[in-house]
Structures are given as C-alpha cells and as structure tokens.
Amino acid sequence: MLENVKDPVQLIPVTCTYPSDKMTVNNYFLINPLCFIDAIDLSESKIKYSGSLIASIDLLHLDNNIIKGHDFFRLKKDVTLVVVSEGLVRKFTEAGTVGINFIPVEEFKI
C-alpha cells in the first residue's frame, strides 16, 4: 500500500494480544512519517500559538502548491499532526485497514 508513496516512512512492527482470548497477531505496523513539511496556509487558517508552539487550531488550511505530490507527512509547525493524502486514505479504506482514523482537514480542530 505504501510502495508508491515517495515520502519516507518508518514501519515499526507491532504485536497485538487480544485480552479476551489472549490471541496474538503479528501483522500490524505503526507507520511513522519521516517527512516534515511547512504546509499550513497561515492566511486562511485560524491558529493560536503559545510561544512558538501551536496551542489550538480552529480552522486548518494547507497550501496545495506545497503538499502536491506528497501522500504521508507531518506538519513542520506541529509534528504531532500527520497528514495523509485523499488518494492514500482511499487505498487504506478500500483495503479494510483497521486501527487508523482519518479526519478531513476541514473538520480538524485541536
């Protein structure tokens, strides 16, 4: 699924043990994006800062010219946020991937 993603990612193997029956599953991965892009459109976004850190986001707009061609990355101004392209979200959804939740940019708030 990530073979056509040009952005660097780290795949970290995860073993899951279900508490109900103690069954262990080894085919899960944590995906850690290693690409950081300064893509927030500050003129269109509504962001409050605490010093140099983002304290809250009421409205998030990304600069499409900057993110064009990127599928999986972190925002440089808030490395806790991971951005996934609509095309990659569609691939994850069609594959029935579990354990991941996508929030459209226009609905995102912190």
C-alpha atoms as a PDB file:
ATOM      1  CA  MET A   1       0.000   0.000   0.000  1.00  0.00           C
ATOM      2  CA  LEU A   2       2.877   2.370   0.745  1.00  0.00           C
ATOM      3  CA  GLU A   3       5.051   1.202  -2.136  1.00  0.00           C
ATOM      4  CA  ASN A   4       4.138   4.221  -4.323  1.00  0.00           C
ATOM      5  CA  VAL A   5       4.460   6.780  -1.520  1.00  0.00           C
ATOM      6  CA  LYS A   6       7.539   8.920  -2.169  1.00  0.00           C
ATOM      7  CA  ASP A   7       7.630  10.371   1.353  1.00  0.00           C
ATOM      8  CA  PRO A   8       9.927   8.446   3.714  1.00  0.00           C
ATOM      9  CA  VAL A   9       8.193   6.408   6.408  1.00  0.00           C
ATOM     10  CA  GLN A  10       9.354   4.077   9.144  1.00  0.00           C
ATOM     11  CA  LEU A  11       7.372   0.855   9.619  1.00  0.00           C
ATOM     12  CA  ILE A  12       7.531  -0.349  13.195  1.00  0.00           C
ATOM     13  CA  PRO A  13       6.286  -3.933  13.741  1.00  0.00           C
ATOM     14  CA  VAL A  14       3.688  -4.255  16.487  1.00  0.00           C
ATOM     15  CA  THR A  15       2.450  -7.408  18.209  1.00  0.00           C
ATOM     16  CA  CYS A  16      -1.161  -7.212  19.402  1.00  0.00           C
ATOM     17  CA  THR A  17      -2.521  -9.511  22.083  1.00  0.00           C
ATOM     18  CA  TYR A  18      -6.273  -9.562  22.484  1.00  0.00           C
ATOM     19  CA  PRO A  19      -7.254  -9.616  26.183  1.00  0.00           C
ATOM     20  CA  SER A  20     -10.417 -11.657  25.631  1.00  0.00           C
ATOM     21  CA  ASP A  21      -8.746 -14.792  24.285  1.00  0.00           C
ATOM     22  CA  LYS A  22      -5.007 -13.975  24.579  1.00  0.00           C
ATOM     23  CA  MET A  23      -4.669 -14.434  20.805  1.00  0.00           C
ATOM     24  CA  THR A  24      -1.536 -12.756  19.438  1.00  0.00           C
ATOM     25  CA  VAL A  25      -1.349 -11.152  15.999  1.00  0.00           C
ATOM     26  CA  ASN A  26       1.973 -10.081  14.467  1.00  0.00           C
ATOM     27  CA  ASN A  27       0.931  -8.484  11.173  1.00  0.00           C
ATOM     28  CA  TYR A  28       0.386  -4.902  12.410  1.00  0.00           C
ATOM     29  CA  PHE A  29       2.675  -1.930  11.885  1.00  0.00           C
ATOM     30  CA  LEU A  30       2.931   1.550  13.301  1.00  0.00           C
ATOM     31  CA  ILE A  31       3.608   3.938  10.415  1.00  0.00           C
ATOM     32  CA  ASN A  32       5.901   6.797  11.400  1.00  0.00           C
ATOM     33  CA  PRO A  33       6.139   9.526   8.731  1.00  0.00           C
ATOM     34  CA  LEU A  34       9.665  10.925   8.474  1.00  0.00           C
ATOM     35  CA  CYS A  35       8.809  13.804   6.121  1.00  0.00           C
ATOM     36  CA  PHE A  36       8.123  17.234   7.679  1.00  0.00           C
ATOM     37  CA  ILE A  37       6.539  19.931   5.511  1.00  0.00           C
ATOM     38  CA  ASP A  38       5.797  23.573   6.310  1.00  0.00           C
ATOM     39  CA  ALA A  39       2.397  23.405   4.580  1.00  0.00           C
ATOM     40  CA  ILE A  40      -0.006  25.399   6.761  1.00  0.00           C
ATOM     41  CA  ASP A  41      -1.641  28.285   4.880  1.00  0.00           C
ATOM     42  CA  LEU A  42      -1.413  30.812   7.720  1.00  0.00           C
ATOM     43  CA  SER A  43      -3.525  33.435   5.925  1.00  0.00           C
ATOM     44  CA  GLU A  44      -6.511  31.049   5.717  1.00  0.00           C
ATOM     45  CA  SER A  45      -6.058  29.079   8.957  1.00  0.00           C
ATOM     46  CA  LYS A  46      -7.223  30.074  12.434  1.00  0.00           C
ATOM     47  CA  ILE A  47      -4.414  29.057  14.776  1.00  0.00           C
ATOM     48  CA  LYS A  48      -3.494  30.217  18.279  1.00  0.00           C
ATOM     49  CA  TYR A  49       0.082  29.975  19.469  1.00  0.00           C
ATOM     50  CA  SER A  50       1.689  29.606  22.858  1.00  0.00           C
ATOM     51  CA  GLY A  51       5.133  30.993  22.173  1.00  0.00           C
ATOM     52  CA  SER A  52       6.308  29.203  19.042  1.00  0.00           C
ATOM     53  CA  LEU A  53       4.075  26.147  19.635  1.00  0.00           C
ATOM     54  CA  ILE A  54       0.569  25.682  18.292  1.00  0.00           C
ATOM     55  CA  ALA A  55      -1.883  25.852  21.202  1.00  0.00           C
ATOM     56  CA  SER A  56      -5.095  25.353  19.212  1.00  0.00           C
ATOM     57  CA  ILE A  57      -6.391  25.058  15.680  1.00  0.00           C
ATOM     58  CA  ASP A  58      -9.934  26.219  14.933  1.00  0.00           C
ATOM     59  CA  LEU A  59      -9.552  26.094  11.155  1.00  0.00           C
ATOM     60  CA  LEU A  60      -6.761  24.395   9.218  1.00  0.00           C
ATOM     61  CA  HIS A  61      -5.927  25.120   5.598  1.00  0.00           C
ATOM     62  CA  LEU A  62      -2.986  23.546   3.825  1.00  0.00           C
ATOM     63  CA  ASP A  63      -1.164  25.086   0.874  1.00  0.00           C
ATOM     64  CA  ASN A  64      -1.958  22.768  -2.044  1.00  0.00           C
ATOM     65  CA  ASN A  65       1.057  24.009  -4.007  1.00  0.00           C
ATOM     66  CA  ILE A  66       3.363  22.839  -1.211  1.00  0.00           C
ATOM     67  CA  ILE A  67       1.701  19.468  -0.492  1.00  0.00           C
ATOM     68  CA  LYS A  68       1.218  18.488  -4.137  1.00  0.00           C
ATOM     69  CA  GLY A  69       2.831  15.097  -4.706  1.00  0.00           C
ATOM     70  CA  HIS A  70       3.108  14.275  -1.005  1.00  0.00           C
ATOM     71  CA  ASP A  71       0.991  11.462   0.455  1.00  0.00           C
ATOM     72  CA  PHE A  72       2.093  10.932   4.040  1.00  0.00           C
ATOM     73  CA  PHE A  73       3.834  13.591   6.125  1.00  0.00           C
ATOM     74  CA  ARG A  74       3.926  15.571   9.359  1.00  0.00           C
ATOM     75  CA  LEU A  75       3.354  19.300   9.614  1.00  0.00           C
ATOM     76  CA  LYS A  76       6.601  21.091  10.416  1.00  0.00           C
ATOM     77  CA  LYS A  77       4.873  23.513  12.817  1.00  0.00           C
ATOM     78  CA  ASP A  78       3.131  20.684  14.726  1.00  0.00           C
ATOM     79  CA  VAL A  79       4.944  17.361  14.386  1.00  0.00           C
ATOM     80  CA  THR A  80       2.168  15.517  16.231  1.00  0.00           C
ATOM     81  CA  LEU A  81      -0.144  16.032  13.241  1.00  0.00           C
ATOM     82  CA  VAL A  82       0.093  13.518  10.415  1.00  0.00           C
ATOM     83  CA  VAL A  83      -1.347  14.434   7.022  1.00  0.00           C
ATOM     84  CA  VAL A  84      -2.439  11.698   4.607  1.00  0.00           C
ATOM     85  CA  SER A  85      -3.494  12.423   1.026  1.00  0.00           C
ATOM     86  CA  GLU A  86      -7.048  11.656  -0.079  1.00  0.00           C
ATOM     87  CA  GLY A  87      -5.698   9.057  -2.508  1.00  0.00           C
ATOM     88  CA  LEU A  88      -3.850   7.188   0.226  1.00  0.00           C
ATOM     89  CA  VAL A  89      -6.877   7.419   2.563  1.00  0.00           C
ATOM     90  CA  ARG A  90      -8.931   5.810  -0.216  1.00  0.00           C
ATOM     91  CA  LYS A  91      -6.373   2.976  -0.534  1.00  0.00           C
ATOM     92  CA  PHE A  92      -6.389   2.322   3.229  1.00  0.00           C
ATOM     93  CA  THR A  93     -10.202   2.369   3.288  1.00  0.00           C
ATOM     94  CA  GLU A  94     -10.613   0.077   0.266  1.00  0.00           C
ATOM     95  CA  ALA A  95      -8.112  -2.366   1.794  1.00  0.00           C
ATOM     96  CA  GLY A  96     -10.184  -2.520   5.000  1.00  0.00           C
ATOM     97  CA  THR A  97      -7.290  -1.273   7.136  1.00  0.00           C
ATOM     98  CA  VAL A  98      -8.179  -1.219  10.840  1.00  0.00           C
ATOM     99  CA  GLY A  99      -6.765   0.763  13.753  1.00  0.00           C
ATOM    100  CA  ILE A 100      -6.491   4.047  11.885  1.00  0.00           C
ATOM    101  CA  ASN A 101      -8.797   7.058  11.929  1.00  0.00           C
ATOM    102  CA  PHE A 102      -8.816   9.816   9.321  1.00  0.00           C
ATOM    103  CA  ILE A 103     -10.210  13.293   9.972  1.00  0.00           C
ATOM    104  CA  PRO A 104     -10.769  15.530   6.910  1.00  0.00           C
ATOM    105  CA  VAL A 105      -8.694  18.729   7.125  1.00  0.00           C
ATOM    106  CA  GLU A 106     -11.836  20.877   7.009  1.00  0.00           C
ATOM    107  CA  GLU A 107     -13.179  19.108  10.137  1.00  0.00           C
ATOM    108  CA  PHE A 108      -9.904  19.084  12.088  1.00  0.00           C
ATOM    109  CA  LYS A 109      -9.668  21.078  15.352  1.00  0.00           C
ATOM    110  CA  ILE A 110      -7.486  20.920  18.448  1.00  0.00           C
END
